[in-house]
Amino acid sequence: MKLDVTDSTVEDVLMNGGITVLDFWAPWCGPCREYGPIIDEFALENPNITVAKINVEENPLIANKHGIRSIPTTMLFKDGQIITKVPGIIQKHKLKEFTDNLA
């Protein structure tokens, strides 16, 4: 399931339980535009994982809270707890490895 979240909705999504992949991005970011189709495809292929995207330009609070200094950055959560934070583009197979290890 893929969601667009905001500073005010992200915590609700993280507290739903299970595995959540949170993608920090901005529309002007070239690598983010390259990563977008990868994360979208991952979401389609893994409907049991919540994939959320947050635009850091419009929602700076959560990015500041988690110390996001470069985008794209992907954070993985399990049951609302931070597992890892990975800056840059993650290839789909690597993202699958990360999430499989959390199951």
PDB file of N, CA and C in Angstrom:
ATOM      1  N   MET A   1       0.834  -1.169   0.000  1.00  0.00           N
ATOM      2  CA  MET A   1       0.000   0.000   0.000  1.00  0.00           C
ATOM      3  C   MET A   1       0.886   1.242   0.000  1.00  0.00           C
ATOM      4  N   LYS A   2       0.627   2.173  -0.919  1.00  0.00           N
ATOM      5  CA  LYS A   2       1.416   3.397  -1.013  1.00  0.00           C
ATOM      6  C   LYS A   2       0.570   4.575  -0.564  1.00  0.00           C
ATOM      7  N   LEU A   3       1.149   5.407   0.293  1.00  0.00           N
ATOM      8  CA  LEU A   3       0.455   6.569   0.832  1.00  0.00           C
ATOM      9  C   LEU A   3       1.332   7.805   0.699  1.00  0.00           C
ATOM     10  N   ASP A   4       0.698   8.952   0.541  1.00  0.00           N
ATOM     11  CA  ASP A   4       1.387  10.226   0.690  1.00  0.00           C
ATOM     12  C   ASP A   4       1.034  10.720   2.081  1.00  0.00           C
ATOM     13  N   VAL A   5       2.051  11.037   2.879  1.00  0.00           N
ATOM     14  CA  VAL A   5       1.808  11.459   4.256  1.00  0.00           C
ATOM     15  C   VAL A   5       2.324  12.871   4.474  1.00  0.00           C
ATOM     16  N   THR A   6       1.869  13.451   5.571  1.00  0.00           N
ATOM     17  CA  THR A   6       2.274  14.801   5.957  1.00  0.00           C
ATOM     18  C   THR A   6       2.818  14.749   7.385  1.00  0.00           C
ATOM     19  N   ASP A   7       3.323  15.896   7.835  1.00  0.00           N
ATOM     20  CA  ASP A   7       3.794  15.981   9.216  1.00  0.00           C
ATOM     21  C   ASP A   7       2.699  15.560  10.200  1.00  0.00           C
ATOM     22  N   SER A   8       1.450  15.882   9.877  1.00  0.00           N
ATOM     23  CA  SER A   8       0.359  15.593  10.813  1.00  0.00           C
ATOM     24  C   SER A   8      -0.198  14.173  10.688  1.00  0.00           C
ATOM     25  N   THR A   9       0.102  13.458   9.598  1.00  0.00           N
ATOM     26  CA  THR A   9      -0.453  12.108   9.426  1.00  0.00           C
ATOM     27  C   THR A   9       0.573  10.988   9.526  1.00  0.00           C
ATOM     28  N   VAL A  10       1.843  11.307   9.479  1.00  0.00           N
ATOM     29  CA  VAL A  10       2.873  10.271   9.423  1.00  0.00           C
ATOM     30  C   VAL A  10       2.888   9.391  10.664  1.00  0.00           C
ATOM     31  N   GLU A  11       2.706   9.965  11.831  1.00  0.00           N
ATOM     32  CA  GLU A  11       2.748   9.166  13.061  1.00  0.00           C
ATOM     33  C   GLU A  11       1.620   8.138  13.096  1.00  0.00           C
ATOM     34  N   ASP A  12       0.437   8.518  12.599  1.00  0.00           N
ATOM     35  CA  ASP A  12      -0.679   7.574  12.539  1.00  0.00           C
ATOM     36  C   ASP A  12      -0.331   6.380  11.660  1.00  0.00           C
ATOM     37  N   VAL A  13       0.319   6.644  10.544  1.00  0.00           N
ATOM     38  CA  VAL A  13       0.710   5.569   9.625  1.00  0.00           C
ATOM     39  C   VAL A  13       1.742   4.657  10.291  1.00  0.00           C
ATOM     40  N   LEU A  14       2.722   5.247  10.963  1.00  0.00           N
ATOM     41  CA  LEU A  14       3.768   4.452  11.601  1.00  0.00           C
ATOM     42  C   LEU A  14       3.213   3.599  12.731  1.00  0.00           C
ATOM     43  N   MET A  15       2.189   4.070  13.400  1.00  0.00           N
ATOM     44  CA  MET A  15       1.623   3.340  14.535  1.00  0.00           C
ATOM     45  C   MET A  15       0.627   2.258  14.118  1.00  0.00           C
ATOM     46  N   ASN A  16       0.371   2.133  12.822  1.00  0.00           N
ATOM     47  CA  ASN A  16      -0.542   1.083  12.349  1.00  0.00           C
ATOM     48  C   ASN A  16       0.049  -0.303  12.533  1.00  0.00           C
ATOM     49  N   GLY A  17       1.335  -0.381  12.820  1.00  0.00           N
ATOM     50  CA  GLY A  17       1.983  -1.673  13.012  1.00  0.00           C
ATOM     51  C   GLY A  17       2.521  -2.229  11.713  1.00  0.00           C
ATOM     52  N   GLY A  18       3.241  -3.320  11.825  1.00  0.00           N
ATOM     53  CA  GLY A  18       3.836  -3.947  10.654  1.00  0.00           C
ATOM     54  C   GLY A  18       5.040  -3.173  10.164  1.00  0.00           C
ATOM     55  N   ILE A  19       5.394  -3.442   8.928  1.00  0.00           N
ATOM     56  CA  ILE A  19       6.571  -2.823   8.311  1.00  0.00           C
ATOM     57  C   ILE A  19       6.136  -1.599   7.511  1.00  0.00           C
ATOM     58  N   THR A  20       6.839  -0.494   7.728  1.00  0.00           N
ATOM     59  CA  THR A  20       6.591   0.734   6.977  1.00  0.00           C
ATOM     60  C   THR A  20       7.897   1.213   6.372  1.00  0.00           C
ATOM     61  N   VAL A  21       7.857   1.539   5.085  1.00  0.00           N
ATOM     62  CA  VAL A  21       8.976   2.144   4.376  1.00  0.00           C
ATOM     63  C   VAL A  21       8.589   3.602   4.159  1.00  0.00           C
ATOM     64  N   LEU A  22       9.382   4.527   4.682  1.00  0.00           N
ATOM     65  CA  LEU A  22       9.090   5.954   4.571  1.00  0.00           C
ATOM     66  C   LEU A  22      10.147   6.622   3.703  1.00  0.00           C
ATOM     67  N   ASP A  23       9.703   7.180   2.588  1.00  0.00           N
ATOM     68  CA  ASP A  23      10.573   7.821   1.603  1.00  0.00           C
ATOM     69  C   ASP A  23      10.491   9.335   1.769  1.00  0.00           C
ATOM     70  N   PHE A  24      11.622   9.961   2.115  1.00  0.00           N
ATOM     71  CA  PHE A  24      11.718  11.414   2.204  1.00  0.00           C
ATOM     72  C   PHE A  24      12.198  11.928   0.853  1.00  0.00           C
ATOM     73  N   TRP A  25      11.461  12.866   0.255  1.00  0.00           N
ATOM     74  CA  TRP A  25      11.765  13.326  -1.092  1.00  0.00           C
ATOM     75  C   TRP A  25      11.331  14.786  -1.254  1.00  0.00           C
ATOM     76  N   ALA A  26      11.676  15.360  -2.416  1.00  0.00           N
ATOM     77  CA  ALA A  26      11.206  16.691  -2.812  1.00  0.00           C
ATOM     78  C   ALA A  26      11.079  16.700  -4.334  1.00  0.00           C
ATOM     79  N   PRO A  27      10.146  17.485  -4.871  1.00  0.00           N
ATOM     80  CA  PRO A  27       9.913  17.477  -6.317  1.00  0.00           C
ATOM     81  C   PRO A  27      11.086  18.000  -7.151  1.00  0.00           C
ATOM     82  N   TRP A  28      11.922  18.857  -6.592  1.00  0.00           N
ATOM     83  CA  TRP A  28      13.044  19.424  -7.334  1.00  0.00           C
ATOM     84  C   TRP A  28      14.278  18.522  -7.327  1.00  0.00           C
ATOM     85  N   CYS A  29      14.230  17.428  -6.581  1.00  0.00           N
ATOM     86  CA  CYS A  29      15.388  16.546  -6.381  1.00  0.00           C
ATOM     87  C   CYS A  29      15.487  15.518  -7.514  1.00  0.00           C
ATOM     88  N   GLY A  30      16.537  15.616  -8.320  1.00  0.00           N
ATOM     89  CA  GLY A  30      16.741  14.682  -9.432  1.00  0.00           C
ATOM     90  C   GLY A  30      16.816  13.223  -8.992  1.00  0.00           C
ATOM     91  N   PRO A  31      17.653  12.883  -8.009  1.00  0.00           N
ATOM     92  CA  PRO A  31      17.695  11.499  -7.549  1.00  0.00           C
ATOM     93  C   PRO A  31      16.346  11.013  -6.996  1.00  0.00           C
ATOM     94  N   CYS A  32      15.578  11.928  -6.395  1.00  0.00           N
ATOM     95  CA  CYS A  32      14.244  11.546  -5.896  1.00  0.00           C
ATOM     96  C   CYS A  32      13.328  11.156  -7.051  1.00  0.00           C
ATOM     97  N   ARG A  33      13.419  11.890  -8.158  1.00  0.00           N
ATOM     98  CA  ARG A  33      12.610  11.559  -9.342  1.00  0.00           C
ATOM     99  C   ARG A  33      13.040  10.214  -9.921  1.00  0.00           C
ATOM    100  N   GLU A  34      14.318   9.896  -9.830  1.00  0.00           N
ATOM    101  CA  GLU A  34      14.813   8.595 -10.293  1.00  0.00           C
ATOM    102  C   GLU A  34      14.340   7.468  -9.360  1.00  0.00           C
ATOM    103  N   TYR A  35      14.310   7.747  -8.076  1.00  0.00           N
ATOM    104  CA  TYR A  35      13.923   6.758  -7.074  1.00  0.00           C
ATOM    105  C   TYR A  35      12.408   6.529  -7.026  1.00  0.00           C
ATOM    106  N   GLY A  36      11.641   7.544  -7.388  1.00  0.00           N
ATOM    107  CA  GLY A  36      10.184   7.452  -7.334  1.00  0.00           C
ATOM    108  C   GLY A  36       9.603   6.204  -7.984  1.00  0.00           C
ATOM    109  N   PRO A  37       9.949   5.896  -9.237  1.00  0.00           N
ATOM    110  CA  PRO A  37       9.405   4.693  -9.874  1.00  0.00           C
ATOM    111  C   PRO A  37       9.843   3.395  -9.180  1.00  0.00           C
ATOM    112  N   ILE A  38      11.031   3.385  -8.609  1.00  0.00           N
ATOM    113  CA  ILE A  38      11.509   2.189  -7.896  1.00  0.00           C
ATOM    114  C   ILE A  38      10.635   1.945  -6.673  1.00  0.00           C
ATOM    115  N   ILE A  39      10.412   2.981  -5.893  1.00  0.00           N
ATOM    116  CA  ILE A  39       9.626   2.824  -4.668  1.00  0.00           C
ATOM    117  C   ILE A  39       8.160   2.546  -4.988  1.00  0.00           C
ATOM    118  N   ASP A  40       7.654   3.138  -6.074  1.00  0.00           N
ATOM    119  CA  ASP A  40       6.272   2.878  -6.492  1.00  0.00           C
ATOM    120  C   ASP A  40       6.097   1.418  -6.903  1.00  0.00           C
ATOM    121  N   GLU A  41       7.041   0.905  -7.666  1.00  0.00           N
ATOM    122  CA  GLU A  41       6.991  -0.496  -8.099  1.00  0.00           C
ATOM    123  C   GLU A  41       7.104  -1.435  -6.899  1.00  0.00           C
ATOM    124  N   PHE A  42       7.983  -1.092  -5.972  1.00  0.00           N
ATOM    125  CA  PHE A  42       8.129  -1.887  -4.754  1.00  0.00           C
ATOM    126  C   PHE A  42       6.793  -1.951  -4.005  1.00  0.00           C
ATOM    127  N   ALA A  43       6.118  -0.819  -3.892  1.00  0.00           N
ATOM    128  CA  ALA A  43       4.828  -0.768  -3.194  1.00  0.00           C
ATOM    129  C   ALA A  43       3.797  -1.663  -3.880  1.00  0.00           C
ATOM    130  N   LEU A  44       3.759  -1.645  -5.206  1.00  0.00           N
ATOM    131  CA  LEU A  44       2.818  -2.487  -5.949  1.00  0.00           C
ATOM    132  C   LEU A  44       3.097  -3.969  -5.743  1.00  0.00           C
ATOM    133  N   GLU A  45       4.363  -4.333  -5.689  1.00  0.00           N
ATOM    134  CA  GLU A  45       4.758  -5.735  -5.563  1.00  0.00           C
ATOM    135  C   GLU A  45       4.692  -6.255  -4.125  1.00  0.00           C
ATOM    136  N   ASN A  46       4.540  -5.356  -3.162  1.00  0.00           N
ATOM    137  CA  ASN A  46       4.546  -5.740  -1.749  1.00  0.00           C
ATOM    138  C   ASN A  46       3.363  -5.103  -1.021  1.00  0.00           C
ATOM    139  N   PRO A  47       2.143  -5.539  -1.326  1.00  0.00           N
ATOM    140  CA  PRO A  47       0.956  -4.897  -0.738  1.00  0.00           C
ATOM    141  C   PRO A  47       0.839  -5.070   0.777  1.00  0.00           C
ATOM    142  N   ASN A  48       1.596  -5.986   1.350  1.00  0.00           N
ATOM    143  CA  ASN A  48       1.557  -6.202   2.794  1.00  0.00           C
ATOM    144  C   ASN A  48       2.455  -5.223   3.555  1.00  0.00           C
ATOM    145  N   ILE A  49       3.222  -4.410   2.823  1.00  0.00           N
ATOM    146  CA  ILE A  49       4.117  -3.424   3.423  1.00  0.00           C
ATOM    147  C   ILE A  49       3.564  -2.037   3.131  1.00  0.00           C
ATOM    148  N   THR A  50       3.523  -1.198   4.149  1.00  0.00           N
ATOM    149  CA  THR A  50       3.088   0.183   3.948  1.00  0.00           C
ATOM    150  C   THR A  50       4.268   0.988   3.428  1.00  0.00           C
ATOM    151  N   VAL A  51       4.073   1.607   2.269  1.00  0.00           N
ATOM    152  CA  VAL A  51       5.093   2.479   1.690  1.00  0.00           C
ATOM    153  C   VAL A  51       4.519   3.888   1.711  1.00  0.00           C
ATOM    154  N   ALA A  52       5.193   4.778   2.420  1.00  0.00           N
ATOM    155  CA  ALA A  52       4.730   6.151   2.562  1.00  0.00           C
ATOM    156  C   ALA A  52       5.788   7.103   2.025  1.00  0.00           C
ATOM    157  N   LYS A  53       5.317   8.165   1.373  1.00  0.00           N
ATOM    158  CA  LYS A  53       6.212   9.178   0.830  1.00  0.00           C
ATOM    159  C   LYS A  53       5.883  10.504   1.517  1.00  0.00           C
ATOM    160  N   ILE A  54       6.936  11.233   1.892  1.00  0.00           N
ATOM    161  CA  ILE A  54       6.724  12.538   2.512  1.00  0.00           C
ATOM    162  C   ILE A  54       7.603  13.575   1.824  1.00  0.00           C
ATOM    163  N   ASN A  55       6.973  14.624   1.344  1.00  0.00           N
ATOM    164  CA  ASN A  55       7.647  15.725   0.677  1.00  0.00           C
ATOM    165  C   ASN A  55       8.256  16.617   1.765  1.00  0.00           C
ATOM    166  N   VAL A  56       9.584  16.642   1.846  1.00  0.00           N
ATOM    167  CA  VAL A  56      10.261  17.376   2.922  1.00  0.00           C
ATOM    168  C   VAL A  56      10.127  18.885   2.779  1.00  0.00           C
ATOM    169  N   GLU A  57       9.890  19.345   1.568  1.00  0.00           N
ATOM    170  CA  GLU A  57       9.723  20.773   1.347  1.00  0.00           C
ATOM    171  C   GLU A  57       8.420  21.274   1.976  1.00  0.00           C
ATOM    172  N   GLU A  58       7.375  20.466   1.863  1.00  0.00           N
ATOM    173  CA  GLU A  58       6.072  20.840   2.406  1.00  0.00           C
ATOM    174  C   GLU A  58       5.890  20.384   3.851  1.00  0.00           C
ATOM    175  N   ASN A  59       6.709  19.428   4.292  1.00  0.00           N
ATOM    176  CA  ASN A  59       6.573  18.823   5.624  1.00  0.00           C
ATOM    177  C   ASN A  59       7.933  18.704   6.300  1.00  0.00           C
ATOM    178  N   PRO A  60       8.487  19.818   6.769  1.00  0.00           N
ATOM    179  CA  PRO A  60       9.842  19.780   7.321  1.00  0.00           C
ATOM    180  C   PRO A  60       9.947  19.220   8.746  1.00  0.00           C
ATOM    181  N   LEU A  61       8.849  19.167   9.481  1.00  0.00           N
ATOM    182  CA  LEU A  61       8.934  18.773  10.889  1.00  0.00           C
ATOM    183  C   LEU A  61       9.439  17.347  11.076  1.00  0.00           C
ATOM    184  N   ILE A  62       8.848  16.396  10.363  1.00  0.00           N
ATOM    185  CA  ILE A  62       9.249  14.988  10.534  1.00  0.00           C
ATOM    186  C   ILE A  62      10.671  14.769  10.024  1.00  0.00           C
ATOM    187  N   ALA A  63      11.041  15.473   8.942  1.00  0.00           N
ATOM    188  CA  ALA A  63      12.408  15.358   8.433  1.00  0.00           C
ATOM    189  C   ALA A  63      13.406  15.870   9.472  1.00  0.00           C
ATOM    190  N   ASN A  64      13.095  16.985  10.098  1.00  0.00           N
ATOM    191  CA  ASN A  64      13.970  17.528  11.146  1.00  0.00           C
ATOM    192  C   ASN A  64      14.023  16.591  12.343  1.00  0.00           C
ATOM    193  N   LYS A  65      12.873  16.041  12.724  1.00  0.00           N
ATOM    194  CA  LYS A  65      12.815  15.130  13.870  1.00  0.00           C
ATOM    195  C   LYS A  65      13.748  13.936  13.680  1.00  0.00           C
ATOM    196  N   HIS A  66      13.838  13.429  12.441  1.00  0.00           N
ATOM    197  CA  HIS A  66      14.650  12.244  12.159  1.00  0.00           C
ATOM    198  C   HIS A  66      16.031  12.574  11.594  1.00  0.00           C
ATOM    199  N   GLY A  67      16.394  13.853  11.591  1.00  0.00           N
ATOM    200  CA  GLY A  67      17.736  14.239  11.159  1.00  0.00           C
ATOM    201  C   GLY A  67      18.013  13.981   9.694  1.00  0.00           C
ATOM    202  N   ILE A  68      17.011  14.160   8.846  1.00  0.00           N
ATOM    203  CA  ILE A  68      17.198  13.952   7.408  1.00  0.00           C
ATOM    204  C   ILE A  68      17.977  15.134   6.852  1.00  0.00           C
ATOM    205  N   ARG A  69      19.156  14.859   6.333  1.00  0.00           N
ATOM    206  CA  ARG A  69      20.031  15.909   5.815  1.00  0.00           C
ATOM    207  C   ARG A  69      20.212  15.841   4.304  1.00  0.00           C
ATOM    208  N   SER A  70      19.861  14.702   3.710  1.00  0.00           N
ATOM    209  CA  SER A  70      19.951  14.574   2.256  1.00  0.00           C
ATOM    210  C   SER A  70      18.763  13.742   1.794  1.00  0.00           C
ATOM    211  N   ILE A  71      18.360  13.986   0.561  1.00  0.00           N
ATOM    212  CA  ILE A  71      17.245  13.235  -0.017  1.00  0.00           C
ATOM    213  C   ILE A  71      17.672  12.700  -1.373  1.00  0.00           C
ATOM    214  N   PRO A  72      17.113  11.582  -1.785  1.00  0.00           N
ATOM    215  CA  PRO A  72      16.152  10.793  -1.042  1.00  0.00           C
ATOM    216  C   PRO A  72      16.811  10.084   0.143  1.00  0.00           C
ATOM    217  N   THR A  73      16.019   9.893   1.173  1.00  0.00           N
ATOM    218  CA  THR A  73      16.399   9.050   2.308  1.00  0.00           C
ATOM    219  C   THR A  73      15.215   8.152   2.601  1.00  0.00           C
ATOM    220  N   THR A  74      15.496   6.892   2.849  1.00  0.00           N
ATOM    221  CA  THR A  74      14.457   5.918   3.161  1.00  0.00           C
ATOM    222  C   THR A  74      14.654   5.445   4.589  1.00  0.00           C
ATOM    223  N   MET A  75      13.563   5.454   5.349  1.00  0.00           N
ATOM    224  CA  MET A  75      13.593   4.918   6.707  1.00  0.00           C
ATOM    225  C   MET A  75      12.684   3.710   6.761  1.00  0.00           C
ATOM    226  N   LEU A  76      13.149   2.682   7.460  1.00  0.00           N
ATOM    227  CA  LEU A  76      12.330   1.493   7.667  1.00  0.00           C
ATOM    228  C   LEU A  76      11.918   1.413   9.123  1.00  0.00           C
ATOM    229  N   PHE A  77      10.640   1.125   9.329  1.00  0.00           N
ATOM    230  CA  PHE A  77      10.062   1.008  10.668  1.00  0.00           C
ATOM    231  C   PHE A  77       9.389  -0.345  10.795  1.00  0.00           C
ATOM    232  N   LYS A  78       9.420  -0.887  11.986  1.00  0.00           N
ATOM    233  CA  LYS A  78       8.639  -2.082  12.288  1.00  0.00           C
ATOM    234  C   LYS A  78       7.868  -1.789  13.573  1.00  0.00           C
ATOM    235  N   ASP A  79       6.557  -1.913  13.465  1.00  0.00           N
ATOM    236  CA  ASP A  79       5.669  -1.625  14.595  1.00  0.00           C
ATOM    237  C   ASP A  79       5.957  -0.257  15.209  1.00  0.00           C
ATOM    238  N   GLY A  80       6.212   0.735  14.346  1.00  0.00           N
ATOM    239  CA  GLY A  80       6.430   2.108  14.783  1.00  0.00           C
ATOM    240  C   GLY A  80       7.827   2.428  15.268  1.00  0.00           C
ATOM    241  N   GLN A  81       8.704   1.431  15.327  1.00  0.00           N
ATOM    242  CA  GLN A  81      10.077   1.635  15.800  1.00  0.00           C
ATOM    243  C   GLN A  81      11.034   1.758  14.614  1.00  0.00           C
ATOM    244  N   ILE A  82      11.937   2.719  14.685  1.00  0.00           N
ATOM    245  CA  ILE A  82      12.927   2.899  13.619  1.00  0.00           C
ATOM    246  C   ILE A  82      13.874   1.711  13.604  1.00  0.00           C
ATOM    247  N   ILE A  83      14.046   1.134  12.425  1.00  0.00           N
ATOM    248  CA  ILE A  83      14.987   0.031  12.252  1.00  0.00           C
ATOM    249  C   ILE A  83      16.266   0.531  11.589  1.00  0.00           C
ATOM    250  N   THR A  84      16.113   1.301  10.515  1.00  0.00           N
ATOM    251  CA  THR A  84      17.291   1.814   9.822  1.00  0.00           C
ATOM    252  C   THR A  84      16.919   3.044   9.003  1.00  0.00           C
ATOM    253  N   LYS A  85      17.937   3.832   8.666  1.00  0.00           N
ATOM    254  CA  LYS A  85      17.796   5.012   7.815  1.00  0.00           C
ATOM    255  C   LYS A  85      18.881   4.907   6.753  1.00  0.00           C
ATOM    256  N   VAL A  86      18.466   4.939   5.480  1.00  0.00           N
ATOM    257  CA  VAL A  86      19.406   4.763   4.382  1.00  0.00           C
ATOM    258  C   VAL A  86      19.304   5.955   3.424  1.00  0.00           C
ATOM    259  N   PRO A  87      20.353   6.766   3.310  1.00  0.00           N
ATOM    260  CA  PRO A  87      20.335   7.864   2.354  1.00  0.00           C
ATOM    261  C   PRO A  87      20.595   7.350   0.935  1.00  0.00           C
ATOM    262  N   GLY A  88      20.077   8.081  -0.039  1.00  0.00           N
ATOM    263  CA  GLY A  88      20.323   7.743  -1.436  1.00  0.00           C
ATOM    264  C   GLY A  88      19.292   6.787  -2.014  1.00  0.00           C
ATOM    265  N   ILE A  89      19.553   6.401  -3.238  1.00  0.00           N
ATOM    266  CA  ILE A  89      18.661   5.496  -3.958  1.00  0.00           C
ATOM    267  C   ILE A  89      18.958   4.064  -3.549  1.00  0.00           C
ATOM    268  N   ILE A  90      17.921   3.328  -3.223  1.00  0.00           N
ATOM    269  CA  ILE A  90      18.061   1.909  -2.892  1.00  0.00           C
ATOM    270  C   ILE A  90      17.460   1.107  -4.050  1.00  0.00           C
ATOM    271  N   GLN A  91      18.215   0.196  -4.593  1.00  0.00           N
ATOM    272  CA  GLN A  91      17.671  -0.664  -5.641  1.00  0.00           C
ATOM    273  C   GLN A  91      16.558  -1.532  -5.063  1.00  0.00           C
ATOM    274  N   LYS A  92      15.587  -1.866  -5.900  1.00  0.00           N
ATOM    275  CA  LYS A  92      14.399  -2.579  -5.438  1.00  0.00           C
ATOM    276  C   LYS A  92      14.747  -3.898  -4.752  1.00  0.00           C
ATOM    277  N   HIS A  93      15.683  -4.657  -5.289  1.00  0.00           N
ATOM    278  CA  HIS A  93      16.027  -5.945  -4.683  1.00  0.00           C
ATOM    279  C   HIS A  93      16.652  -5.752  -3.290  1.00  0.00           C
ATOM    280  N   LYS A  94      17.385  -4.674  -3.108  1.00  0.00           N
ATOM    281  CA  LYS A  94      17.993  -4.391  -1.805  1.00  0.00           C
ATOM    282  C   LYS A  94      16.923  -3.960  -0.798  1.00  0.00           C
ATOM    283  N   LEU A  95      15.980  -3.175  -1.257  1.00  0.00           N
ATOM    284  CA  LEU A  95      14.872  -2.770  -0.404  1.00  0.00           C
ATOM    285  C   LEU A  95      14.070  -3.994   0.033  1.00  0.00           C
ATOM    286  N   LYS A  96      13.893  -4.932  -0.890  1.00  0.00           N
ATOM    287  CA  LYS A  96      13.192  -6.188  -0.555  1.00  0.00           C
ATOM    288  C   LYS A  96      13.977  -6.985   0.480  1.00  0.00           C
ATOM    289  N   GLU A  97      15.292  -7.041   0.347  1.00  0.00           N
ATOM    290  CA  GLU A  97      16.130  -7.724   1.339  1.00  0.00           C
ATOM    291  C   GLU A  97      15.951  -7.098   2.728  1.00  0.00           C
ATOM    292  N   PHE A  98      15.989  -5.758   2.777  1.00  0.00           N
ATOM    293  CA  PHE A  98      15.807  -5.058   4.052  1.00  0.00           C
ATOM    294  C   PHE A  98      14.481  -5.449   4.696  1.00  0.00           C
ATOM    295  N   THR A  99      13.415  -5.387   3.916  1.00  0.00           N
ATOM    296  CA  THR A  99      12.081  -5.653   4.484  1.00  0.00           C
ATOM    297  C   THR A  99      11.878  -7.130   4.800  1.00  0.00           C
ATOM    298  N   ASP A 100      12.449  -8.012   3.992  1.00  0.00           N
ATOM    299  CA  ASP A 100      12.341  -9.453   4.298  1.00  0.00           C
ATOM    300  C   ASP A 100      13.013  -9.778   5.626  1.00  0.00           C
ATOM    301  N   ASN A 101      14.103  -9.092   5.928  1.00  0.00           N
ATOM    302  CA  ASN A 101      14.807  -9.342   7.185  1.00  0.00           C
ATOM    303  C   ASN A 101      14.029  -8.842   8.403  1.00  0.00           C
ATOM    304  N   LEU A 102      13.038  -7.981   8.177  1.00  0.00           N
ATOM    305  CA  LEU A 102      12.232  -7.468   9.274  1.00  0.00           C
ATOM    306  C   LEU A 102      11.023  -8.349   9.573  1.00  0.00           C
ATOM    307  N   ALA A 103      10.653  -9.171   8.606  1.00  0.00           N
ATOM    308  CA  ALA A 103       9.413  -9.965   8.747  1.00  0.00           C
ATOM    309  C   ALA A 103       9.522 -11.016   9.837  1.00  0.00           C
TER     310      ALA A 103
END
